[in-house]
Structures are given as C-alpha cells and as structure tokens.
C-alpha cells in the first residue's frame, strides 16, 4: 500500500501577484531591516518585513516553515515563483 502525501499548505492557497516585484532587500535580525522597511514605505513601496508574519501567524509561520523544511531538509518540492507569490504577492 502506498502512502499518500499530504498536500503542501502553499499549494492549497491561490497564487496572486497583485504588483510586480521591484526591490528585494534581505537582512538578518538587528541589521537595520526595520529602518529599511520604514524607508521603503515612506518612498511608496509596499514592503514585506518579518513583522508581517504576525498579522496571521498560523498561516505565515506555517508557510515559511514549509519552505525552509523543503529547502534545507529535503521535505517536499522546493519552492519556486508560484509558491513565493502566495506569500509575497501583495508586496513589491
């Protein structure tokens, strides 16, 4: 009997990019990411910051955990553009 895999959370959600990606800034904690986030907002961008996860932690923490487990532990398919658009589609 073959064991059926549970579908990934990211595949159960719609992939919608509401605005094109314009800027990508990555940084570790305590390296000025909140200052960069604030500056980008003042410039009219809609940036994503780690604090955005707390708007819906059950959803976003589960999604990012799923992505990290796929990448670093080989659990499931690696994420691509479609999956990233699920969590980043409302940010530019």
PDB file of N, CA and C in Angstrom:
ATOM      1  N   UNK A   1       0.846  -1.181   0.000  1.00  0.00           N
ATOM      2  CA  UNK A   1       0.000   0.000   0.000  1.00  0.00           C
ATOM      3  C   UNK A   1       0.888   1.239   0.000  1.00  0.00           C
ATOM      4  N   UNK A   2       0.637   2.132  -0.935  1.00  0.00           N
ATOM      5  CA  UNK A   2       1.451   3.352  -0.999  1.00  0.00           C
ATOM      6  C   UNK A   2       0.888   4.405  -0.065  1.00  0.00           C
ATOM      7  N   UNK A   3       1.802   5.123   0.522  1.00  0.00           N
ATOM      8  CA  UNK A   3       1.418   6.174   1.458  1.00  0.00           C
ATOM      9  C   UNK A   3       1.196   7.467   0.681  1.00  0.00           C
ATOM     10  N   UNK A   4       0.007   8.058   0.807  1.00  0.00           N
ATOM     11  CA  UNK A   4      -0.266   9.309   0.114  1.00  0.00           C
ATOM     12  C   UNK A   4       0.272  10.480   0.920  1.00  0.00           C
ATOM     13  N   UNK A   5       0.916  11.389   0.192  1.00  0.00           N
ATOM     14  CA  UNK A   5       1.448  12.588   0.837  1.00  0.00           C
ATOM     15  C   UNK A   5       0.358  13.611   1.050  1.00  0.00           C
ATOM     16  N   UNK A   6       0.444  14.260   2.172  1.00  0.00           N
ATOM     17  CA  UNK A   6      -0.458  15.362   2.469  1.00  0.00           C
ATOM     18  C   UNK A   6      -0.077  16.529   1.567  1.00  0.00           C
ATOM     19  N   UNK A   7      -1.054  17.211   0.951  1.00  0.00           N
ATOM     20  CA  UNK A   7      -0.697  18.349   0.084  1.00  0.00           C
ATOM     21  C   UNK A   7      -0.020  19.457   0.891  1.00  0.00           C
ATOM     22  N   UNK A   8       0.909  20.139   0.229  1.00  0.00           N
ATOM     23  CA  UNK A   8       1.577  21.257   0.884  1.00  0.00           C
ATOM     24  C   UNK A   8       0.586  22.387   1.095  1.00  0.00           C
ATOM     25  N   UNK A   9       0.722  23.085   2.211  1.00  0.00           N
ATOM     26  CA  UNK A   9      -0.137  24.225   2.500  1.00  0.00           C
ATOM     27  C   UNK A   9      -0.064  25.249   1.381  1.00  0.00           C
ATOM     28  N   UNK A  10       1.129  25.508   0.893  1.00  0.00           N
ATOM     29  CA  UNK A  10       1.322  26.533  -0.137  1.00  0.00           C
ATOM     30  C   UNK A  10       0.545  26.192  -1.408  1.00  0.00           C
ATOM     31  N   UNK A  11       0.348  24.907  -1.695  1.00  0.00           N
ATOM     32  CA  UNK A  11      -0.374  24.505  -2.902  1.00  0.00           C
ATOM     33  C   UNK A  11      -1.885  24.583  -2.742  1.00  0.00           C
ATOM     34  N   UNK A  12      -2.362  24.791  -1.528  1.00  0.00           N
ATOM     35  CA  UNK A  12      -3.800  24.895  -1.303  1.00  0.00           C
ATOM     36  C   UNK A  12      -4.281  26.346  -1.347  1.00  0.00           C
ATOM     37  N   UNK A  13      -3.350  27.277  -1.472  1.00  0.00           N
ATOM     38  CA  UNK A  13      -3.683  28.705  -1.474  1.00  0.00           C
ATOM     39  C   UNK A  13      -3.497  29.291  -2.866  1.00  0.00           C
ATOM     40  N   UNK A  14      -4.272  30.312  -3.226  1.00  0.00           N
ATOM     41  CA  UNK A  14      -4.115  30.925  -4.551  1.00  0.00           C
ATOM     42  C   UNK A  14      -2.797  31.687  -4.673  1.00  0.00           C
ATOM     43  N   UNK A  15      -2.230  31.622  -5.854  1.00  0.00           N
ATOM     44  CA  UNK A  15      -1.004  32.369  -6.148  1.00  0.00           C
ATOM     45  C   UNK A  15      -1.396  33.626  -6.899  1.00  0.00           C
ATOM     46  N   UNK A  16      -1.307  34.753  -6.213  1.00  0.00           N
ATOM     47  CA  UNK A  16      -1.729  36.009  -6.820  1.00  0.00           C
ATOM     48  C   UNK A  16      -0.639  37.051  -6.621  1.00  0.00           C
ATOM     49  N   UNK A  17      -0.124  37.576  -7.713  1.00  0.00           N
ATOM     50  CA  UNK A  17       0.826  38.682  -7.634  1.00  0.00           C
ATOM     51  C   UNK A  17       0.039  39.919  -7.993  1.00  0.00           C
ATOM     52  N   UNK A  18      -0.204  40.777  -7.009  1.00  0.00           N
ATOM     53  CA  UNK A  18      -1.013  41.973  -7.239  1.00  0.00           C
ATOM     54  C   UNK A  18      -0.182  43.143  -7.730  1.00  0.00           C
ATOM     55  N   UNK A  19       1.133  43.050  -7.583  1.00  0.00           N
ATOM     56  CA  UNK A  19       2.016  44.112  -8.072  1.00  0.00           C
ATOM     57  C   UNK A  19       3.373  43.495  -8.411  1.00  0.00           C
ATOM     58  N   UNK A  20       4.064  44.036  -9.415  1.00  0.00           N
ATOM     59  CA  UNK A  20       5.361  43.461  -9.773  1.00  0.00           C
ATOM     60  C   UNK A  20       6.399  43.677  -8.678  1.00  0.00           C
ATOM     61  N   UNK A  21       7.281  42.714  -8.543  1.00  0.00           N
ATOM     62  CA  UNK A  21       8.374  42.834  -7.579  1.00  0.00           C
ATOM     63  C   UNK A  21       9.349  43.881  -8.106  1.00  0.00           C
ATOM     64  N   UNK A  22       9.667  44.875  -7.283  1.00  0.00           N
ATOM     65  CA  UNK A  22      10.556  45.961  -7.699  1.00  0.00           C
ATOM     66  C   UNK A  22      11.885  45.951  -6.959  1.00  0.00           C
ATOM     67  N   UNK A  23      11.840  45.622  -5.673  1.00  0.00           N
ATOM     68  CA  UNK A  23      13.042  45.696  -4.844  1.00  0.00           C
ATOM     69  C   UNK A  23      13.099  44.462  -3.951  1.00  0.00           C
ATOM     70  N   UNK A  24      14.280  43.885  -3.825  1.00  0.00           N
ATOM     71  CA  UNK A  24      14.487  42.809  -2.856  1.00  0.00           C
ATOM     72  C   UNK A  24      15.641  43.225  -1.951  1.00  0.00           C
ATOM     73  N   UNK A  25      15.359  43.309  -0.665  1.00  0.00           N
ATOM     74  CA  UNK A  25      16.364  43.640   0.340  1.00  0.00           C
ATOM     75  C   UNK A  25      16.286  42.544   1.394  1.00  0.00           C
ATOM     76  N   UNK A  26      17.357  41.843   1.603  1.00  0.00           N
ATOM     77  CA  UNK A  26      17.379  40.765   2.595  1.00  0.00           C
ATOM     78  C   UNK A  26      18.360  41.125   3.700  1.00  0.00           C
ATOM     79  N   UNK A  27      17.989  40.808   4.926  1.00  0.00           N
ATOM     80  CA  UNK A  27      18.888  41.089   6.031  1.00  0.00           C
ATOM     81  C   UNK A  27      18.570  40.248   7.241  1.00  0.00           C
ATOM     82  N   UNK A  28      19.554  40.023   8.048  1.00  0.00           N
ATOM     83  CA  UNK A  28      19.367  39.293   9.292  1.00  0.00           C
ATOM     84  C   UNK A  28      18.794  40.218  10.360  1.00  0.00           C
ATOM     85  N   UNK A  29      18.271  39.615  11.409  1.00  0.00           N
ATOM     86  CA  UNK A  29      17.760  40.401  12.534  1.00  0.00           C
ATOM     87  C   UNK A  29      18.831  41.354  13.048  1.00  0.00           C
ATOM     88  N   UNK A  30      18.365  42.507  13.493  1.00  0.00           N
ATOM     89  CA  UNK A  30      19.227  43.516  14.118  1.00  0.00           C
ATOM     90  C   UNK A  30      20.249  44.108  13.142  1.00  0.00           C
ATOM     91  N   UNK A  31      19.922  44.151  11.851  1.00  0.00           N
ATOM     92  CA  UNK A  31      20.844  44.738  10.874  1.00  0.00           C
ATOM     93  C   UNK A  31      20.213  45.913  10.127  1.00  0.00           C
ATOM     94  N   UNK A  32      19.183  46.515  10.716  1.00  0.00           N
ATOM     95  CA  UNK A  32      18.562  47.677  10.098  1.00  0.00           C
ATOM     96  C   UNK A  32      17.386  47.357   9.194  1.00  0.00           C
ATOM     97  N   UNK A  33      16.838  46.151   9.286  1.00  0.00           N
ATOM     98  CA  UNK A  33      15.731  45.800   8.403  1.00  0.00           C
ATOM     99  C   UNK A  33      14.486  46.644   8.675  1.00  0.00           C
ATOM    100  N   UNK A  34      14.203  46.973   9.925  1.00  0.00           N
ATOM    101  CA  UNK A  34      13.032  47.800  10.218  1.00  0.00           C
ATOM    102  C   UNK A  34      13.229  49.212   9.675  1.00  0.00           C
ATOM    103  N   UNK A  35      14.449  49.731   9.756  1.00  0.00           N
ATOM    104  CA  UNK A  35      14.724  51.056   9.181  1.00  0.00           C
ATOM    105  C   UNK A  35      14.540  51.029   7.669  1.00  0.00           C
ATOM    106  N   UNK A  36      15.011  49.970   7.026  1.00  0.00           N
ATOM    107  CA  UNK A  36      14.843  49.841   5.581  1.00  0.00           C
ATOM    108  C   UNK A  36      13.366  49.690   5.221  1.00  0.00           C
ATOM    109  N   UNK A  37      12.639  48.902   5.986  1.00  0.00           N
ATOM    110  CA  UNK A  37      11.199  48.714   5.801  1.00  0.00           C
ATOM    111  C   UNK A  37      10.474  50.064   5.883  1.00  0.00           C
ATOM    112  N   UNK A  38      10.806  50.840   6.904  1.00  0.00           N
ATOM    113  CA  UNK A  38      10.179  52.152   7.108  1.00  0.00           C
ATOM    114  C   UNK A  38      10.520  53.100   5.961  1.00  0.00           C
ATOM    115  N   UNK A  39      11.765  53.107   5.541  1.00  0.00           N
ATOM    116  CA  UNK A  39      12.184  53.973   4.434  1.00  0.00           C
ATOM    117  C   UNK A  39      11.466  53.593   3.144  1.00  0.00           C
ATOM    118  N   UNK A  40      11.358  52.297   2.860  1.00  0.00           N
ATOM    119  CA  UNK A  40      10.666  51.863   1.642  1.00  0.00           C
ATOM    120  C   UNK A  40       9.192  52.254   1.675  1.00  0.00           C
ATOM    121  N   UNK A  41       8.573  52.155   2.846  1.00  0.00           N
ATOM    122  CA  UNK A  41       7.173  52.585   2.975  1.00  0.00           C
ATOM    123  C   UNK A  41       7.045  54.080   2.698  1.00  0.00           C
ATOM    124  N   UNK A  42       7.985  54.879   3.218  1.00  0.00           N
ATOM    125  CA  UNK A  42       7.945  56.325   3.007  1.00  0.00           C
ATOM    126  C   UNK A  42       8.128  56.674   1.526  1.00  0.00           C
ATOM    127  N   UNK A  43       8.819  55.808   0.797  1.00  0.00           N
ATOM    128  CA  UNK A  43       9.031  56.012  -0.639  1.00  0.00           C
ATOM    129  C   UNK A  43       7.854  55.505  -1.478  1.00  0.00           C
ATOM    130  N   UNK A  44       6.847  54.939  -0.817  1.00  0.00           N
ATOM    131  CA  UNK A  44       5.657  54.493  -1.537  1.00  0.00           C
ATOM    132  C   UNK A  44       5.609  53.021  -1.893  1.00  0.00           C
ATOM    133  N   UNK A  45       6.581  52.255  -1.432  1.00  0.00           N
ATOM    134  CA  UNK A  45       6.574  50.818  -1.688  1.00  0.00           C
ATOM    135  C   UNK A  45       5.671  50.109  -0.679  1.00  0.00           C
ATOM    136  N   UNK A  46       5.342  48.875  -0.964  1.00  0.00           N
ATOM    137  CA  UNK A  46       4.585  48.010  -0.058  1.00  0.00           C
ATOM    138  C   UNK A  46       5.506  46.856   0.328  1.00  0.00           C
ATOM    139  N   UNK A  47       6.438  47.101   1.253  1.00  0.00           N
ATOM    140  CA  UNK A  47       7.442  46.090   1.587  1.00  0.00           C
ATOM    141  C   UNK A  47       6.922  45.019   2.542  1.00  0.00           C
ATOM    142  N   UNK A  48       7.587  43.898   2.497  1.00  0.00           N
ATOM    143  CA  UNK A  48       7.323  42.810   3.437  1.00  0.00           C
ATOM    144  C   UNK A  48       8.441  42.807   4.472  1.00  0.00           C
ATOM    145  N   UNK A  49       8.088  42.584   5.709  1.00  0.00           N
ATOM    146  CA  UNK A  49       9.058  42.516   6.799  1.00  0.00           C
ATOM    147  C   UNK A  49       8.674  41.327   7.664  1.00  0.00           C
ATOM    148  N   UNK A  50       9.588  40.811   8.417  1.00  0.00           N
ATOM    149  CA  UNK A  50       9.291  39.686   9.296  1.00  0.00           C
ATOM    150  C   UNK A  50       8.101  39.938  10.202  1.00  0.00           C
ATOM    151  N   UNK A  51       7.872  41.194  10.538  1.00  0.00           N
ATOM    152  CA  UNK A  51       6.738  41.510  11.404  1.00  0.00           C
ATOM    153  C   UNK A  51       5.401  41.270  10.708  1.00  0.00           C
ATOM    154  N   UNK A  52       5.391  41.214   9.369  1.00  0.00           N
ATOM    155  CA  UNK A  52       4.151  40.925   8.651  1.00  0.00           C
ATOM    156  C   UNK A  52       3.608  39.540   8.992  1.00  0.00           C
ATOM    157  N   UNK A  53       4.491  38.634   9.389  1.00  0.00           N
ATOM    158  CA  UNK A  53       4.046  37.284   9.729  1.00  0.00           C
ATOM    159  C   UNK A  53       3.076  37.283  10.896  1.00  0.00           C
ATOM    160  N   UNK A  54       3.195  38.269  11.757  1.00  0.00           N
ATOM    161  CA  UNK A  54       2.349  38.272  12.953  1.00  0.00           C
ATOM    162  C   UNK A  54       0.936  38.752  12.668  1.00  0.00           C
ATOM    163  N   UNK A  55       0.667  39.211  11.431  1.00  0.00           N
ATOM    164  CA  UNK A  55      -0.704  39.547  11.053  1.00  0.00           C
ATOM    165  C   UNK A  55      -1.565  38.287  11.016  1.00  0.00           C
ATOM    166  N   UNK A  56      -0.959  37.175  10.621  1.00  0.00           N
ATOM    167  CA  UNK A  56      -1.648  35.885  10.572  1.00  0.00           C
ATOM    168  C   UNK A  56      -0.600  34.803  10.811  1.00  0.00           C
ATOM    169  N   UNK A  57      -0.121  34.661  12.050  1.00  0.00           N
ATOM    170  CA  UNK A  57       0.989  33.744  12.319  1.00  0.00           C
ATOM    171  C   UNK A  57       0.693  32.292  11.997  1.00  0.00           C
ATOM    172  N   UNK A  58      -0.521  31.862  12.203  1.00  0.00           N
ATOM    173  CA  UNK A  58      -0.849  30.465  11.910  1.00  0.00           C
ATOM    174  C   UNK A  58      -0.597  30.150  10.438  1.00  0.00           C
ATOM    175  N   UNK A  59      -0.918  31.092   9.576  1.00  0.00           N
ATOM    176  CA  UNK A  59      -0.723  30.901   8.141  1.00  0.00           C
ATOM    177  C   UNK A  59       0.734  31.131   7.737  1.00  0.00           C
ATOM    178  N   UNK A  60       1.263  32.306   8.057  1.00  0.00           N
ATOM    179  CA  UNK A  60       2.580  32.671   7.536  1.00  0.00           C
ATOM    180  C   UNK A  60       3.730  31.892   8.167  1.00  0.00           C
ATOM    181  N   UNK A  61       3.686  31.644   9.450  1.00  0.00           N
ATOM    182  CA  UNK A  61       4.749  30.834  10.062  1.00  0.00           C
ATOM    183  C   UNK A  61       4.731  29.428   9.507  1.00  0.00           C
ATOM    184  N   UNK A  62       3.531  28.889   9.274  1.00  0.00           N
ATOM    185  CA  UNK A  62       3.422  27.544   8.692  1.00  0.00           C
ATOM    186  C   UNK A  62       3.981  27.526   7.269  1.00  0.00           C
ATOM    187  N   UNK A  63       3.683  28.564   6.491  1.00  0.00           N
ATOM    188  CA  UNK A  63       4.183  28.621   5.116  1.00  0.00           C
ATOM    189  C   UNK A  63       5.707  28.731   5.069  1.00  0.00           C
ATOM    190  N   UNK A  64       6.277  29.642   5.857  1.00  0.00           N
ATOM    191  CA  UNK A  64       7.730  29.806   5.831  1.00  0.00           C
ATOM    192  C   UNK A  64       8.437  28.567   6.394  1.00  0.00           C
ATOM    193  N   UNK A  65       7.836  27.933   7.380  1.00  0.00           N
ATOM    194  CA  UNK A  65       8.403  26.688   7.910  1.00  0.00           C
ATOM    195  C   UNK A  65       8.405  25.623   6.824  1.00  0.00           C
ATOM    196  N   UNK A  66       7.315  25.538   6.085  1.00  0.00           N
ATOM    197  CA  UNK A  66       7.221  24.578   4.986  1.00  0.00           C
ATOM    198  C   UNK A  66       8.307  24.834   3.937  1.00  0.00           C
ATOM    199  N   UNK A  67       8.533  26.110   3.619  1.00  0.00           N
ATOM    200  CA  UNK A  67       9.561  26.466   2.640  1.00  0.00           C
ATOM    201  C   UNK A  67      10.955  26.074   3.128  1.00  0.00           C
ATOM    202  N   UNK A  68      11.259  26.374   4.373  1.00  0.00           N
ATOM    203  CA  UNK A  68      12.581  26.059   4.922  1.00  0.00           C
ATOM    204  C   UNK A  68      12.804  24.552   5.024  1.00  0.00           C
ATOM    205  N   UNK A  69      11.766  23.811   5.398  1.00  0.00           N
ATOM    206  CA  UNK A  69      11.891  22.356   5.505  1.00  0.00           C
ATOM    207  C   UNK A  69      12.135  21.738   4.128  1.00  0.00           C
ATOM    208  N   UNK A  70      11.495  22.297   3.095  1.00  0.00           N
ATOM    209  CA  UNK A  70      11.719  21.797   1.738  1.00  0.00           C
ATOM    210  C   UNK A  70      13.144  22.090   1.288  1.00  0.00           C
ATOM    211  N   UNK A  71      13.594  23.303   1.539  1.00  0.00           N
ATOM    212  CA  UNK A  71      14.936  23.698   1.077  1.00  0.00           C
ATOM    213  C   UNK A  71      16.060  23.008   1.842  1.00  0.00           C
ATOM    214  N   UNK A  72      15.976  23.035   3.156  1.00  0.00           N
ATOM    215  CA  UNK A  72      17.110  22.575   3.953  1.00  0.00           C
ATOM    216  C   UNK A  72      17.027  21.134   4.437  1.00  0.00           C
ATOM    217  N   UNK A  73      15.810  20.584   4.480  1.00  0.00           N
ATOM    218  CA  UNK A  73      15.664  19.202   4.938  1.00  0.00           C
ATOM    219  C   UNK A  73      15.208  18.266   3.826  1.00  0.00           C
ATOM    220  N   UNK A  74      14.972  18.811   2.639  1.00  0.00           N
ATOM    221  CA  UNK A  74      14.553  17.994   1.507  1.00  0.00           C
ATOM    222  C   UNK A  74      13.154  17.416   1.657  1.00  0.00           C
ATOM    223  N   UNK A  75      12.326  18.060   2.459  1.00  0.00           N
ATOM    224  CA  UNK A  75      10.967  17.575   2.672  1.00  0.00           C
ATOM    225  C   UNK A  75      10.025  18.236   1.672  1.00  0.00           C
ATOM    226  N   UNK A  76       9.652  17.521   0.652  1.00  0.00           N
ATOM    227  CA  UNK A  76       8.768  18.067  -0.380  1.00  0.00           C
ATOM    228  C   UNK A  76       9.540  18.795  -1.458  1.00  0.00           C
ATOM    229  N   UNK A  77       8.790  19.291  -2.403  1.00  0.00           N
ATOM    230  CA  UNK A  77       9.381  20.014  -3.529  1.00  0.00           C
ATOM    231  C   UNK A  77       9.876  21.387  -3.086  1.00  0.00           C
ATOM    232  N   UNK A  78      11.013  21.819  -3.630  1.00  0.00           N
ATOM    233  CA  UNK A  78      11.478  23.179  -3.328  1.00  0.00           C
ATOM    234  C   UNK A  78      10.478  24.206  -3.854  1.00  0.00           C
ATOM    235  N   UNK A  79      10.452  25.342  -3.225  1.00  0.00           N
ATOM    236  CA  UNK A  79       9.555  26.409  -3.655  1.00  0.00           C
ATOM    237  C   UNK A  79      10.110  27.117  -4.883  1.00  0.00           C
ATOM    238  N   UNK A  80       9.197  27.552  -5.743  1.00  0.00           N
ATOM    239  CA  UNK A  80       9.546  28.339  -6.917  1.00  0.00           C
ATOM    240  C   UNK A  80       8.754  29.637  -6.902  1.00  0.00           C
ATOM    241  N   UNK A  81       8.655  30.257  -8.056  1.00  0.00           N
ATOM    242  CA  UNK A  81       7.986  31.559  -8.159  1.00  0.00           C
ATOM    243  C   UNK A  81       6.525  31.508  -7.715  1.00  0.00           C
ATOM    244  N   UNK A  82       5.789  30.478  -8.165  1.00  0.00           N
ATOM    245  CA  UNK A  82       4.375  30.378  -7.817  1.00  0.00           C
ATOM    246  C   UNK A  82       4.184  30.360  -6.311  1.00  0.00           C
ATOM    247  N   UNK A  83       5.001  29.572  -5.616  1.00  0.00           N
ATOM    248  CA  UNK A  83       4.875  29.449  -4.168  1.00  0.00           C
ATOM    249  C   UNK A  83       5.263  30.759  -3.474  1.00  0.00           C
ATOM    250  N   UNK A  84       6.302  31.411  -3.952  1.00  0.00           N
ATOM    251  CA  UNK A  84       6.695  32.682  -3.354  1.00  0.00           C
ATOM    252  C   UNK A  84       5.641  33.758  -3.564  1.00  0.00           C
ATOM    253  N   UNK A  85       4.939  33.690  -4.703  1.00  0.00           N
ATOM    254  CA  UNK A  85       3.864  34.652  -4.946  1.00  0.00           C
ATOM    255  C   UNK A  85       2.701  34.462  -3.972  1.00  0.00           C
ATOM    256  N   UNK A  86       2.526  33.251  -3.454  1.00  0.00           N
ATOM    257  CA  UNK A  86       1.485  33.024  -2.455  1.00  0.00           C
ATOM    258  C   UNK A  86       1.730  33.898  -1.229  1.00  0.00           C
ATOM    259  N   UNK A  87       2.973  33.965  -0.774  1.00  0.00           N
ATOM    260  CA  UNK A  87       3.263  34.737   0.444  1.00  0.00           C
ATOM    261  C   UNK A  87       3.747  36.165   0.175  1.00  0.00           C
ATOM    262  N   UNK A  88       4.286  36.412  -1.005  1.00  0.00           N
ATOM    263  CA  UNK A  88       4.844  37.741  -1.298  1.00  0.00           C
ATOM    264  C   UNK A  88       4.092  38.508  -2.372  1.00  0.00           C
ATOM    265  N   UNK A  89       2.980  37.969  -2.866  1.00  0.00           N
ATOM    266  CA  UNK A  89       2.260  38.560  -3.981  1.00  0.00           C
ATOM    267  C   UNK A  89       1.678  39.939  -3.727  1.00  0.00           C
ATOM    268  N   UNK A  90       1.463  40.291  -2.470  1.00  0.00           N
ATOM    269  CA  UNK A  90       0.893  41.604  -2.152  1.00  0.00           C
ATOM    270  C   UNK A  90       1.959  42.642  -1.806  1.00  0.00           C
ATOM    271  N   UNK A  91       3.211  42.292  -2.032  1.00  0.00           N
ATOM    272  CA  UNK A  91       4.323  43.199  -1.726  1.00  0.00           C
ATOM    273  C   UNK A  91       5.109  43.477  -3.000  1.00  0.00           C
ATOM    274  N   UNK A  92       5.745  44.648  -3.039  1.00  0.00           N
ATOM    275  CA  UNK A  92       6.570  44.963  -4.206  1.00  0.00           C
ATOM    276  C   UNK A  92       8.006  45.207  -3.822  1.00  0.00           C
TER     277      UNK A  92
END
